[in-house]
Amino acid sequence: MASSSPDVYVEEHNVIIAPGGMATKAWPVYWSAVWVGALSALAVALVFGLIGTAIGAHQTGKKIVNLHDLTFWGLVFSVAGAFFSFVVGGWVASSIAGLRRAEDAALHGAISWLVSLPIFLVLAAFGAASFFGTWYGGLAGTPVWASSSAVPANADAAMAARNTAVGGVTAMLLGLVGSCIGGWLASGEPMSLTYRRAKGETDESYDRPRRRAA
């Protein structure tokens, strides 16, 4: 805005400063979408687990002492259930939030995975981990209300605990990867890490409007 003096002029700039005194570019989180995505992942994982149990793929109630005890179809249902359930969860979360950037969409998918973890742990504490498949048995520990005498001693208990822990962490990591991929799919952007570089986009182009959830 120019002043009346011919030698002096004043410019006005609108600068947004964060409460900490530094400029920021925050990523908003749509919690309603995240919760629906987490519940969707739990529902799909339960469907996979029940189908695997119904056809005999999951060996319910049996501790995996030796990895050779795993059946082929049990392995298939465990991998597919852990991965595709969170692909659905990430896709649902990002679709409800209406995100059209791969970074925001994958972030919401990962957050829905984070929200589902304590739910899995609570269900496992009440003995419901077996409904989701063999691998999720590693999330079930000894409840605090169970006395030590109620836990039977077994020479193979350490080996079984190790194998169930390996299965549990594998299922969780597959779920994390699936949630990010599901969110990315919902954004509609190509599944390529060099997509923005090929388009020649810069950080300023990230400020385009986003479609918000109703």
Protein backbone atom coordinates (compact mmCIF):
# COMPACT_ATOMS: atom_id res chain seq x y z
CA MET A 1 0.00 0.00 0.00
CA ALA A 2 1.76 3.12 -1.21
CA SER A 3 1.95 6.21 1.06
CA SER A 4 1.59 9.89 0.06
CA SER A 5 5.34 10.50 0.24
CA PRO A 6 7.15 9.94 -3.06
CA ASP A 7 10.27 8.57 -1.30
CA VAL A 8 8.69 6.20 1.22
CA TYR A 9 6.35 3.28 0.66
CA VAL A 10 4.93 0.65 2.96
CA GLU A 11 4.25 -3.02 2.13
CA GLU A 12 1.84 -5.17 4.09
CA HIS A 13 2.47 -8.90 4.47
CA ASN A 14 0.25 -11.46 6.19
CA VAL A 15 2.44 -13.95 8.05
CA ILE A 16 0.97 -16.81 10.08
CA ILE A 17 3.07 -17.60 13.15
CA ALA A 18 2.61 -20.72 15.26
CA PRO A 19 2.17 -20.34 19.05
CA GLY A 20 5.81 -21.34 19.52
CA GLY A 21 6.98 -18.41 17.42
CA MET A 22 7.91 -20.42 14.32
CA ALA A 23 6.17 -20.74 10.99
CA THR A 24 4.51 -24.11 10.57
CA LYS A 25 2.78 -26.19 7.94
CA ALA A 26 0.65 -28.57 9.97
CA TRP A 27 -1.04 -31.74 8.77
CA PRO A 28 -4.58 -31.82 10.19
CA VAL A 29 -5.86 -35.16 11.43
CA TYR A 30 -9.49 -36.18 10.86
CA TRP A 31 -10.15 -38.36 13.87
CA SER A 32 -13.62 -39.51 12.83
CA ALA A 33 -12.14 -40.95 9.64
CA VAL A 34 -9.26 -42.52 11.59
CA TRP A 35 -11.60 -44.31 14.00
CA VAL A 36 -13.81 -45.63 11.22
CA GLY A 37 -10.70 -46.86 9.38
CA ALA A 38 -9.41 -48.64 12.50
CA LEU A 39 -12.77 -50.32 13.11
CA SER A 40 -12.94 -51.35 9.44
CA ALA A 41 -9.52 -52.98 9.71
CA LEU A 42 -10.62 -54.88 12.82
CA ALA A 43 -13.78 -56.07 11.08
CA VAL A 44 -11.92 -57.33 8.00
CA ALA A 45 -9.25 -59.01 10.15
CA LEU A 46 -12.01 -60.75 12.11
CA VAL A 47 -13.65 -61.96 8.89
CA PHE A 48 -10.31 -63.37 7.64
CA GLY A 49 -9.67 -65.02 11.00
CA LEU A 50 -13.10 -66.63 11.26
CA ILE A 51 -12.98 -67.92 7.68
CA GLY A 52 -9.51 -69.38 8.28
CA THR A 53 -10.75 -71.08 11.46
CA ALA A 54 -13.89 -72.37 9.75
CA ILE A 55 -11.96 -74.12 6.97
CA GLY A 56 -9.33 -75.46 9.36
CA ALA A 57 -6.47 -73.23 8.25
CA HIS A 58 -5.88 -71.83 11.75
CA GLN A 59 -5.00 -74.32 14.47
CA THR A 60 -7.03 -72.87 17.31
CA GLY A 61 -5.71 -73.55 20.81
CA LYS A 62 -2.43 -75.04 19.63
CA LYS A 63 0.90 -73.44 20.46
CA ILE A 64 3.31 -73.18 17.52
CA VAL A 65 6.42 -74.79 18.98
CA ASN A 66 7.96 -75.56 15.60
CA LEU A 67 7.55 -73.42 12.51
CA HIS A 68 6.87 -76.60 10.55
CA ASP A 69 3.60 -76.85 12.49
CA LEU A 70 2.23 -73.98 10.40
CA THR A 71 0.01 -75.13 7.55
CA PHE A 72 0.19 -73.56 4.10
CA TRP A 73 -3.35 -72.19 4.23
CA GLY A 74 -2.82 -70.98 7.76
CA LEU A 75 0.15 -68.96 6.54
CA VAL A 76 -1.86 -67.63 3.59
CA PHE A 77 -4.76 -66.49 5.76
CA SER A 78 -2.42 -64.98 8.36
CA VAL A 79 -0.50 -62.92 5.79
CA ALA A 80 -3.59 -61.93 3.80
CA GLY A 81 -5.60 -61.06 6.90
CA ALA A 82 -2.84 -58.96 8.46
CA PHE A 83 -2.11 -57.08 5.23
CA PHE A 84 -5.43 -56.59 3.46
CA SER A 85 -7.39 -55.76 6.60
CA PHE A 86 -5.30 -52.63 7.09
CA VAL A 87 -5.28 -51.86 3.38
CA VAL A 88 -9.05 -51.58 3.79
CA GLY A 89 -8.64 -49.59 7.01
CA GLY A 90 -6.24 -47.08 5.44
CA TRP A 91 -8.41 -46.76 2.35
CA VAL A 92 -11.55 -46.13 4.41
CA ALA A 93 -9.85 -43.55 6.64
CA SER A 94 -8.40 -41.57 3.74
CA SER A 95 -11.58 -41.81 1.67
CA ILE A 96 -13.78 -40.49 4.47
CA ALA A 97 -11.33 -37.66 5.16
CA GLY A 98 -11.35 -36.80 1.44
CA LEU A 99 -7.56 -36.54 1.19
CA ARG A 100 -6.04 -36.16 -2.26
CA ARG A 101 -2.35 -36.01 -1.35
CA ALA A 102 -0.51 -39.30 -0.94
CA GLU A 103 1.40 -38.06 2.12
CA ASP A 104 -1.70 -36.99 4.04
CA ALA A 105 -3.58 -40.13 3.01
CA ALA A 106 -0.78 -42.51 4.04
CA LEU A 107 -0.43 -40.63 7.35
CA HIS A 108 -4.09 -41.19 8.15
CA GLY A 109 -3.76 -44.84 7.23
CA ALA A 110 -0.82 -45.20 9.62
CA ILE A 111 -2.71 -43.39 12.39
CA SER A 112 -5.65 -45.77 11.97
CA TRP A 113 -3.14 -48.61 12.43
CA LEU A 114 -1.88 -46.98 15.62
CA VAL A 115 -5.42 -46.62 16.97
CA SER A 116 -6.15 -50.30 16.31
CA LEU A 117 -3.12 -51.56 18.29
CA PRO A 118 -4.48 -50.94 21.81
CA ILE A 119 -7.84 -52.37 20.68
CA PHE A 120 -6.07 -55.55 19.58
CA LEU A 121 -4.25 -55.73 22.93
CA VAL A 122 -7.47 -55.35 24.92
CA LEU A 123 -9.20 -58.03 22.87
CA ALA A 124 -6.19 -60.33 23.23
CA ALA A 125 -6.20 -59.84 27.01
CA PHE A 126 -9.76 -61.17 27.08
CA GLY A 127 -8.84 -64.19 24.98
CA ALA A 128 -10.24 -63.00 21.65
CA ALA A 129 -6.90 -62.95 19.78
CA SER A 130 -7.53 -66.42 18.36
CA PHE A 131 -10.54 -65.11 16.45
CA PHE A 132 -8.19 -63.02 14.30
CA GLY A 133 -5.83 -65.84 13.38
CA THR A 134 -2.77 -67.66 14.63
CA TRP A 135 -0.33 -64.76 14.38
CA TYR A 136 -2.25 -62.43 16.65
CA GLY A 137 -1.82 -64.90 19.51
CA GLY A 138 1.52 -63.23 20.20
CA LEU A 139 -0.34 -60.15 21.45
CA ALA A 140 -1.92 -62.11 24.31
CA GLY A 141 0.09 -62.17 27.51
CA THR A 142 -0.79 -63.53 30.92
CA PRO A 143 -3.63 -61.43 32.38
CA VAL A 144 -2.93 -59.68 35.68
CA TRP A 145 -5.87 -61.46 37.29
CA ALA A 146 -4.43 -64.91 36.45
CA SER A 147 -2.24 -66.43 39.16
CA SER A 148 1.09 -68.00 38.28
CA SER A 149 -0.22 -71.43 39.26
CA ALA A 150 -2.92 -71.13 36.59
CA VAL A 151 -0.26 -71.03 33.86
CA PRO A 152 0.89 -74.60 33.15
CA ALA A 153 4.62 -75.27 33.01
CA ASN A 154 5.85 -76.57 29.69
CA ALA A 155 9.36 -77.29 28.45
CA ASP A 156 8.43 -75.87 25.06
CA ALA A 157 6.79 -72.73 26.46
CA ALA A 158 9.77 -70.50 25.67
CA MET A 159 9.91 -71.69 22.06
CA ALA A 160 6.16 -71.25 21.65
CA ALA A 161 6.33 -67.77 23.14
CA ARG A 162 9.11 -66.80 20.75
CA ASN A 163 7.21 -68.09 17.71
CA THR A 164 3.98 -66.36 18.69
CA ALA A 165 5.89 -63.13 19.29
CA VAL A 166 7.46 -63.39 15.83
CA GLY A 167 4.02 -63.96 14.35
CA GLY A 168 2.56 -61.02 16.25
CA VAL A 169 5.23 -58.52 15.22
CA THR A 170 5.06 -59.76 11.61
CA ALA A 171 1.30 -59.25 11.57
CA MET A 172 1.67 -55.75 13.01
CA LEU A 173 4.35 -54.70 10.51
CA LEU A 174 2.33 -56.10 7.61
CA GLY A 175 -0.62 -54.11 8.90
CA LEU A 176 1.43 -50.90 9.01
CA VAL A 177 2.58 -51.36 5.42
CA GLY A 178 -0.95 -52.21 4.34
CA SER A 179 -2.44 -49.15 6.04
CA CYS A 180 -0.03 -46.79 4.28
CA ILE A 181 -0.67 -48.45 0.92
CA GLY A 182 -4.44 -48.33 1.47
CA GLY A 183 -4.32 -44.63 2.28
CA TRP A 184 -2.14 -43.98 -0.75
CA LEU A 185 -4.59 -45.84 -2.97
CA ALA A 186 -7.47 -43.72 -1.66
CA SER A 187 -5.65 -40.49 -2.56
CA GLY A 188 -5.83 -41.34 -6.26
CA GLU A 189 -2.20 -40.42 -6.88
CA PRO A 190 0.05 -42.87 -8.78
CA MET A 191 1.91 -45.37 -6.62
CA SER A 192 5.33 -43.93 -7.45
CA LEU A 193 7.85 -42.28 -5.13
CA THR A 194 9.12 -40.12 -8.02
CA TYR A 195 5.66 -38.87 -9.04
CA ARG A 196 6.09 -35.33 -7.68
CA ARG A 197 9.65 -35.08 -8.92
CA ALA A 198 8.50 -36.03 -12.42
CA LYS A 199 5.82 -33.33 -12.29
CA GLY A 200 8.35 -30.77 -11.08
CA GLU A 201 6.25 -29.81 -8.07
CA THR A 202 7.72 -27.84 -5.18
CA ASP A 203 6.66 -27.42 -1.58
CA GLU A 204 4.55 -24.38 -2.50
CA SER A 205 2.33 -26.54 -4.71
CA TYR A 206 1.32 -28.58 -1.64
CA ASP A 207 -0.91 -25.72 -0.51
CA ARG A 208 -3.64 -26.49 -3.02
CA PRO A 209 -7.09 -26.81 -1.41
CA ARG A 210 -8.10 -30.15 0.04
CA ARG A 211 -11.58 -31.59 0.01
CA ARG A 212 -12.80 -31.95 3.57
CA ALA A 213 -15.18 -34.55 4.91
CA ALA A 214 -18.74 -33.45 5.44
